[in-house]
Amino acid sequence: AFFGESMFHRARDASKVALVHLVERLRERGFDLLDTQATTSHLKRFGCVDVPAEEYLIRLRKALVKKCVFD
């Protein structure tokens, strides 16, 4: 599981590029959950969806026991 916060950037659309690279890196390393904490129209373009609390907890439990390394 990986937990994200809002993104700071100095150049226009830099946070969008950073998000694409983050998602690629997480997928390559076997991460199953990226918690963005809020769903925006921008994030929806990348497949972000809201899930009910119970489903989130199930997904989170599964993701937390999985051995993934970010480096």
Foldseek 3Di string as FASTA:
>chain_A
DAEDEDDDDDDPCPVVVVVVVQVVLCVVQPQDDYHDVDDDPSVVVVVDDDDDPVVVVVSVVVRVVDDTDRD
